[in-house]
């Protein structure tokens, strides 16, 4: 998912559904704007998009206020990731961009006949609302 988590009514439920539909061991990557981005990173990001020069300031204000301002920050991303049944979890800022990412892989299912008898958990249960 790119740039949509800020629009989800329940981020926990949305991420749980993303994990639920992954195949065992499948990758998850969710990125969105970083609410705590620096002005400099936001300015560099907005300048990557072709537009008339006179609109850059307006687009920067819109991005910083309406897009990043309504998104998640690093603490939010780490908290959300900690609640997921993922291995190789990673929640971090993307260097030199005003973006946050949550990544990992769905917990692999237990191998049939495994001697420990433990089944891997998945995120298909209830999620916070």
N, C-alpha and C. Protein backbone atom coordinates (compact mmCIF):
# COMPACT_ATOMS: atom_id res chain seq x y z
N UNK A 1 0.85 -1.17 0.00
CA UNK A 1 0.00 0.00 0.00
C UNK A 1 0.89 1.23 0.00
N UNK A 2 0.57 2.19 -0.81
CA UNK A 2 1.34 3.42 -0.87
C UNK A 2 0.42 4.61 -0.64
N UNK A 3 0.66 5.32 0.45
CA UNK A 3 -0.03 6.57 0.68
C UNK A 3 -1.49 6.49 1.06
N UNK A 4 -1.94 5.35 1.59
CA UNK A 4 -3.36 5.25 1.88
C UNK A 4 -3.69 5.06 3.36
N UNK A 5 -2.72 4.69 4.18
CA UNK A 5 -3.03 4.34 5.58
C UNK A 5 -3.69 5.50 6.32
N UNK A 6 -3.38 6.72 5.94
CA UNK A 6 -3.99 7.86 6.63
C UNK A 6 -5.49 7.95 6.38
N UNK A 7 -5.98 7.26 5.35
CA UNK A 7 -7.41 7.30 5.01
C UNK A 7 -8.20 6.14 5.63
N UNK A 8 -7.52 5.18 6.23
CA UNK A 8 -8.21 4.01 6.77
C UNK A 8 -8.93 4.36 8.06
N UNK A 9 -10.20 3.96 8.21
CA UNK A 9 -10.91 4.25 9.46
C UNK A 9 -10.26 3.58 10.68
N UNK A 10 -9.69 2.38 10.48
CA UNK A 10 -8.95 1.70 11.54
C UNK A 10 -7.65 1.19 10.95
N UNK A 11 -6.55 1.79 11.35
CA UNK A 11 -5.25 1.38 10.83
C UNK A 11 -4.92 -0.04 11.27
N UNK A 12 -5.25 -0.38 12.51
CA UNK A 12 -5.00 -1.75 13.00
C UNK A 12 -5.77 -2.78 12.17
N UNK A 13 -7.05 -2.52 11.94
CA UNK A 13 -7.86 -3.47 11.17
C UNK A 13 -7.38 -3.55 9.72
N UNK A 14 -7.02 -2.43 9.13
CA UNK A 14 -6.53 -2.42 7.76
C UNK A 14 -5.24 -3.19 7.60
N UNK A 15 -4.31 -2.99 8.53
CA UNK A 15 -3.04 -3.73 8.47
C UNK A 15 -3.26 -5.21 8.73
N UNK A 16 -4.15 -5.53 9.66
CA UNK A 16 -4.45 -6.94 9.93
C UNK A 16 -5.01 -7.61 8.68
N UNK A 17 -5.84 -6.91 7.93
CA UNK A 17 -6.39 -7.46 6.69
C UNK A 17 -5.29 -7.62 5.64
N UNK A 18 -4.39 -6.66 5.56
CA UNK A 18 -3.26 -6.78 4.62
C UNK A 18 -2.45 -8.05 4.92
N UNK A 19 -2.18 -8.28 6.20
CA UNK A 19 -1.42 -9.46 6.59
C UNK A 19 -2.23 -10.73 6.33
N UNK A 20 -3.52 -10.69 6.62
CA UNK A 20 -4.37 -11.88 6.46
C UNK A 20 -4.36 -12.39 5.03
N UNK A 21 -4.36 -11.50 4.04
CA UNK A 21 -4.45 -11.94 2.66
C UNK A 21 -3.10 -12.32 2.04
N UNK A 22 -2.02 -12.13 2.78
CA UNK A 22 -0.71 -12.55 2.29
C UNK A 22 -0.59 -14.07 2.35
N UNK A 23 0.13 -14.64 1.40
CA UNK A 23 0.43 -16.07 1.50
C UNK A 23 1.47 -16.23 2.61
N UNK A 24 1.58 -17.42 3.20
CA UNK A 24 2.58 -17.64 4.24
C UNK A 24 3.98 -17.22 3.75
N UNK A 25 4.65 -16.39 4.53
CA UNK A 25 5.96 -15.89 4.15
C UNK A 25 5.92 -14.72 3.18
N UNK A 26 4.70 -14.30 2.76
CA UNK A 26 4.56 -13.21 1.79
C UNK A 26 4.97 -11.87 2.37
N UNK A 27 5.49 -10.98 1.53
CA UNK A 27 5.96 -9.68 2.01
C UNK A 27 4.85 -8.64 2.16
N UNK A 28 5.02 -7.78 3.13
CA UNK A 28 4.13 -6.64 3.33
C UNK A 28 4.99 -5.38 3.26
N UNK A 29 4.52 -4.40 2.52
CA UNK A 29 5.18 -3.09 2.49
C UNK A 29 4.09 -2.03 2.43
N UNK A 30 4.05 -1.21 3.45
CA UNK A 30 3.10 -0.10 3.52
C UNK A 30 3.93 1.17 3.71
N UNK A 31 3.70 2.13 2.85
CA UNK A 31 4.39 3.42 2.99
C UNK A 31 3.37 4.54 3.00
N UNK A 32 3.72 5.59 3.67
CA UNK A 32 2.89 6.79 3.68
C UNK A 32 3.76 7.97 4.05
N UNK A 33 3.20 9.13 3.95
CA UNK A 33 3.92 10.34 4.33
C UNK A 33 4.22 10.30 5.83
N UNK A 34 5.32 10.89 6.20
CA UNK A 34 5.75 10.96 7.60
C UNK A 34 5.25 12.27 8.21
N UNK A 35 4.37 12.14 9.20
CA UNK A 35 3.79 13.33 9.83
C UNK A 35 4.86 14.23 10.45
N UNK A 36 5.99 13.66 10.85
CA UNK A 36 7.03 14.47 11.49
C UNK A 36 8.18 14.80 10.52
N UNK A 37 7.88 14.81 9.23
CA UNK A 37 8.90 15.12 8.23
C UNK A 37 9.48 16.52 8.43
N UNK A 38 10.72 16.67 8.02
CA UNK A 38 11.31 18.01 8.05
C UNK A 38 10.82 18.81 6.86
N UNK A 39 10.84 20.09 7.00
CA UNK A 39 10.44 20.98 5.90
C UNK A 39 11.33 20.74 4.68
N UNK A 40 12.63 20.53 4.92
CA UNK A 40 13.59 20.34 3.83
C UNK A 40 13.26 19.07 3.04
N UNK A 41 12.96 17.96 3.73
CA UNK A 41 12.63 16.72 3.02
C UNK A 41 11.32 16.86 2.25
N UNK A 42 10.35 17.55 2.85
CA UNK A 42 9.07 17.78 2.16
C UNK A 42 9.30 18.64 0.91
N UNK A 43 10.12 19.66 1.03
CA UNK A 43 10.41 20.53 -0.10
C UNK A 43 11.11 19.77 -1.23
N UNK A 44 12.09 18.92 -0.89
CA UNK A 44 12.77 18.12 -1.91
C UNK A 44 11.79 17.16 -2.59
N UNK A 45 10.91 16.57 -1.81
CA UNK A 45 9.94 15.61 -2.34
C UNK A 45 8.98 16.28 -3.32
N UNK A 46 8.45 17.41 -2.93
CA UNK A 46 7.50 18.13 -3.79
C UNK A 46 8.20 18.60 -5.07
N UNK A 47 9.47 18.95 -4.98
CA UNK A 47 10.19 19.42 -6.17
C UNK A 47 10.42 18.32 -7.20
N UNK A 48 10.24 17.05 -6.82
CA UNK A 48 10.40 15.93 -7.76
C UNK A 48 9.27 15.86 -8.79
N UNK A 49 8.15 16.48 -8.47
CA UNK A 49 6.98 16.41 -9.34
C UNK A 49 6.95 17.62 -10.27
N UNK A 50 6.82 17.35 -11.58
CA UNK A 50 6.79 18.48 -12.52
C UNK A 50 5.54 19.34 -12.31
N UNK A 51 5.76 20.62 -12.20
CA UNK A 51 4.66 21.57 -12.04
C UNK A 51 5.20 22.96 -12.31
N UNK A 52 4.34 23.88 -12.64
CA UNK A 52 4.80 25.27 -12.81
C UNK A 52 5.41 25.76 -11.50
N UNK A 53 6.48 26.50 -11.61
CA UNK A 53 7.22 26.99 -10.44
C UNK A 53 6.32 27.74 -9.45
N UNK A 54 5.36 28.52 -9.94
CA UNK A 54 4.52 29.31 -9.05
C UNK A 54 3.60 28.44 -8.18
N UNK A 55 3.43 27.16 -8.53
CA UNK A 55 2.59 26.25 -7.72
C UNK A 55 3.38 25.49 -6.65
N UNK A 56 4.70 25.56 -6.70
CA UNK A 56 5.51 24.77 -5.75
C UNK A 56 5.21 25.10 -4.30
N UNK A 57 5.11 26.36 -3.97
CA UNK A 57 4.83 26.74 -2.59
C UNK A 57 3.47 26.25 -2.13
N UNK A 58 2.48 26.35 -3.00
CA UNK A 58 1.14 25.87 -2.68
C UNK A 58 1.15 24.35 -2.51
N UNK A 59 1.81 23.64 -3.43
CA UNK A 59 1.87 22.18 -3.31
C UNK A 59 2.64 21.75 -2.07
N UNK A 60 3.68 22.48 -1.71
CA UNK A 60 4.42 22.17 -0.49
C UNK A 60 3.52 22.34 0.73
N UNK A 61 2.76 23.41 0.78
CA UNK A 61 1.85 23.64 1.91
C UNK A 61 0.78 22.55 1.97
N UNK A 62 0.24 22.18 0.82
CA UNK A 62 -0.76 21.11 0.78
C UNK A 62 -0.16 19.80 1.25
N UNK A 63 1.02 19.46 0.73
CA UNK A 63 1.66 18.20 1.13
C UNK A 63 1.94 18.19 2.63
N UNK A 64 2.57 19.25 3.12
CA UNK A 64 3.00 19.27 4.53
C UNK A 64 1.81 19.29 5.48
N UNK A 65 0.73 19.97 5.11
CA UNK A 65 -0.43 20.11 6.00
C UNK A 65 -1.46 19.01 5.80
N UNK A 66 -1.89 18.80 4.57
CA UNK A 66 -3.02 17.91 4.32
C UNK A 66 -2.62 16.45 4.09
N UNK A 67 -1.43 16.22 3.62
CA UNK A 67 -1.01 14.84 3.36
C UNK A 67 -0.18 14.33 4.53
N UNK A 68 1.01 14.89 4.73
CA UNK A 68 1.85 14.44 5.84
C UNK A 68 1.19 14.73 7.18
N UNK A 69 0.55 15.88 7.28
CA UNK A 69 -0.06 16.26 8.55
C UNK A 69 -1.16 15.34 9.03
N UNK A 70 -1.75 14.56 8.13
CA UNK A 70 -2.82 13.63 8.50
C UNK A 70 -2.34 12.19 8.56
N UNK A 71 -1.06 11.98 8.37
CA UNK A 71 -0.52 10.64 8.28
C UNK A 71 0.01 10.15 9.62
N UNK A 72 0.92 9.19 9.58
CA UNK A 72 1.51 8.60 10.78
C UNK A 72 2.94 9.10 10.94
N UNK A 73 3.46 8.95 12.14
CA UNK A 73 4.87 9.25 12.36
C UNK A 73 5.58 7.95 12.73
N UNK A 74 6.86 8.04 13.03
CA UNK A 74 7.65 6.84 13.29
C UNK A 74 7.14 6.07 14.50
N UNK A 75 6.76 6.77 15.55
CA UNK A 75 6.23 6.09 16.74
C UNK A 75 4.95 5.33 16.40
N UNK A 76 4.05 5.96 15.64
CA UNK A 76 2.83 5.28 15.20
C UNK A 76 3.17 4.03 14.41
N UNK A 77 4.10 4.16 13.46
CA UNK A 77 4.47 3.02 12.60
C UNK A 77 5.03 1.87 13.44
N UNK A 78 5.87 2.18 14.39
CA UNK A 78 6.44 1.12 15.25
C UNK A 78 5.37 0.45 16.10
N UNK A 79 4.45 1.24 16.61
CA UNK A 79 3.36 0.67 17.42
C UNK A 79 2.48 -0.23 16.56
N UNK A 80 2.11 0.24 15.38
CA UNK A 80 1.28 -0.56 14.48
C UNK A 80 1.99 -1.85 14.09
N UNK A 81 3.26 -1.77 13.74
CA UNK A 81 4.02 -2.95 13.33
C UNK A 81 4.14 -3.96 14.48
N UNK A 82 4.27 -3.46 15.69
CA UNK A 82 4.44 -4.37 16.84
C UNK A 82 3.22 -5.25 17.07
N UNK A 83 2.07 -4.85 16.57
CA UNK A 83 0.83 -5.60 16.77
C UNK A 83 0.58 -6.64 15.67
N UNK A 84 1.44 -6.70 14.67
CA UNK A 84 1.22 -7.58 13.53
C UNK A 84 1.96 -8.90 13.67
N UNK A 85 1.37 -9.95 13.13
CA UNK A 85 2.01 -11.26 13.11
C UNK A 85 2.93 -11.33 11.90
N UNK A 86 4.06 -10.66 12.03
CA UNK A 86 5.05 -10.61 10.95
C UNK A 86 6.40 -11.05 11.49
N UNK A 87 7.23 -11.55 10.59
CA UNK A 87 8.64 -11.77 10.91
C UNK A 87 9.43 -10.72 10.13
N UNK A 88 10.64 -10.47 10.55
CA UNK A 88 11.50 -9.46 9.92
C UNK A 88 10.80 -8.10 9.87
N UNK A 89 10.14 -7.73 10.96
CA UNK A 89 9.43 -6.44 11.01
C UNK A 89 10.40 -5.29 10.90
N UNK A 90 9.96 -4.25 10.22
CA UNK A 90 10.76 -3.04 10.09
C UNK A 90 9.80 -1.86 9.98
N UNK A 91 9.95 -0.90 10.83
CA UNK A 91 9.18 0.34 10.76
C UNK A 91 10.19 1.47 10.88
N UNK A 92 10.30 2.26 9.82
CA UNK A 92 11.33 3.31 9.82
C UNK A 92 11.00 4.39 8.80
N UNK A 93 11.77 5.47 8.93
CA UNK A 93 11.71 6.54 7.95
C UNK A 93 12.51 6.11 6.73
N UNK A 94 12.09 6.56 5.58
CA UNK A 94 12.84 6.31 4.35
C UNK A 94 13.77 7.50 4.17
N UNK A 95 15.08 7.21 4.17
CA UNK A 95 16.09 8.27 4.12
C UNK A 95 15.86 9.24 2.98
N UNK A 96 16.00 10.52 3.30
CA UNK A 96 15.92 11.63 2.34
C UNK A 96 14.55 11.81 1.69
N UNK A 97 13.55 11.18 2.24
CA UNK A 97 12.18 11.34 1.75
C UNK A 97 11.27 11.55 2.95
N UNK A 98 10.18 12.25 2.77
CA UNK A 98 9.25 12.47 3.88
C UNK A 98 8.28 11.30 4.02
N UNK A 99 8.84 10.09 4.07
CA UNK A 99 8.02 8.87 4.06
C UNK A 99 8.37 7.94 5.21
N UNK A 100 7.37 7.18 5.62
CA UNK A 100 7.48 6.14 6.64
C UNK A 100 7.15 4.81 5.98
N UNK A 101 7.79 3.74 6.43
CA UNK A 101 7.42 2.43 5.90
C UNK A 101 7.24 1.44 7.04
N UNK A 102 6.32 0.52 6.81
CA UNK A 102 6.12 -0.65 7.68
C UNK A 102 6.31 -1.85 6.76
N UNK A 103 7.22 -2.74 7.14
CA UNK A 103 7.51 -3.89 6.28
C UNK A 103 7.68 -5.14 7.13
N UNK A 104 7.56 -6.26 6.49
CA UNK A 104 7.78 -7.55 7.13
C UNK A 104 7.26 -8.65 6.23
N UNK A 105 7.29 -9.84 6.74
CA UNK A 105 6.74 -10.99 6.02
C UNK A 105 5.75 -11.69 6.93
N UNK A 106 4.68 -12.21 6.32
CA UNK A 106 3.70 -12.96 7.10
C UNK A 106 4.40 -14.17 7.72
N UNK A 107 4.01 -14.47 8.93
CA UNK A 107 4.58 -15.61 9.63
C UNK A 107 4.37 -16.87 8.79
N UNK A 108 5.44 -17.63 8.49
CA UNK A 108 5.26 -18.86 7.73
C UNK A 108 4.40 -19.85 8.51
N UNK A 109 3.57 -20.59 7.79
CA UNK A 109 2.73 -21.60 8.43
C UNK A 109 3.62 -22.71 8.95
N UNK A 110 3.16 -23.41 9.99
CA UNK A 110 3.90 -24.54 10.52
C UNK A 110 3.97 -25.63 9.46
N UNK A 111 5.12 -26.27 9.36
CA UNK A 111 5.30 -27.35 8.41
C UNK A 111 4.52 -28.56 8.89
N UNK A 112 3.78 -29.17 7.98
CA UNK A 112 2.99 -30.35 8.33
C UNK A 112 3.90 -31.42 8.90
N UNK A 113 3.54 -31.95 10.07
CA UNK A 113 4.33 -33.00 10.70
C UNK A 113 5.48 -32.46 11.54
N UNK A 114 5.54 -31.16 11.75
CA UNK A 114 6.61 -30.60 12.57
C UNK A 114 6.50 -31.13 13.98
N UNK A 115 7.63 -31.44 14.60
CA UNK A 115 7.57 -32.07 15.90
C UNK A 115 7.29 -31.13 17.05
N UNK A 116 7.30 -29.82 16.85
CA UNK A 116 6.98 -28.95 17.98
C UNK A 116 5.48 -28.75 18.14
N UNK A 117 4.70 -29.07 17.13
CA UNK A 117 3.25 -29.01 17.24
C UNK A 117 2.67 -27.61 17.26
N UNK A 118 3.49 -26.58 17.14
CA UNK A 118 2.99 -25.20 17.18
C UNK A 118 2.60 -24.73 15.80
N UNK A 119 1.46 -24.13 15.69
CA UNK A 119 1.03 -23.52 14.43
C UNK A 119 1.37 -22.04 14.49
N UNK A 120 1.77 -21.49 13.39
CA UNK A 120 2.07 -20.06 13.34
C UNK A 120 0.78 -19.28 13.39
N UNK A 121 0.83 -18.13 14.04
CA UNK A 121 -0.37 -17.31 14.12
C UNK A 121 -0.48 -16.41 12.90
N UNK A 122 -1.70 -16.02 12.59
CA UNK A 122 -1.91 -15.06 11.49
C UNK A 122 -2.76 -13.92 12.02
N UNK A 123 -2.92 -12.90 11.23
CA UNK A 123 -3.64 -11.70 11.66
C UNK A 123 -5.11 -11.78 11.29
N UNK A 124 -5.69 -12.95 11.14
CA UNK A 124 -7.07 -13.06 10.72
C UNK A 124 -8.08 -12.89 11.85
N UNK A 125 -7.62 -12.72 13.09
CA UNK A 125 -8.52 -12.59 14.22
C UNK A 125 -9.08 -11.20 14.33
N UNK A 126 -9.53 -10.85 15.49
CA UNK A 126 -10.12 -9.52 15.68
C UNK A 126 -9.04 -8.47 15.74
N UNK A 127 -9.37 -7.32 15.24
CA UNK A 127 -8.46 -6.17 15.28
C UNK A 127 -9.16 -5.06 16.04
N UNK A 128 -8.34 -4.18 16.60
CA UNK A 128 -8.92 -3.05 17.34
C UNK A 128 -9.65 -2.14 16.38
N UNK A 129 -10.72 -1.53 16.84
CA UNK A 129 -11.51 -0.64 16.00
C UNK A 129 -11.27 0.78 16.22
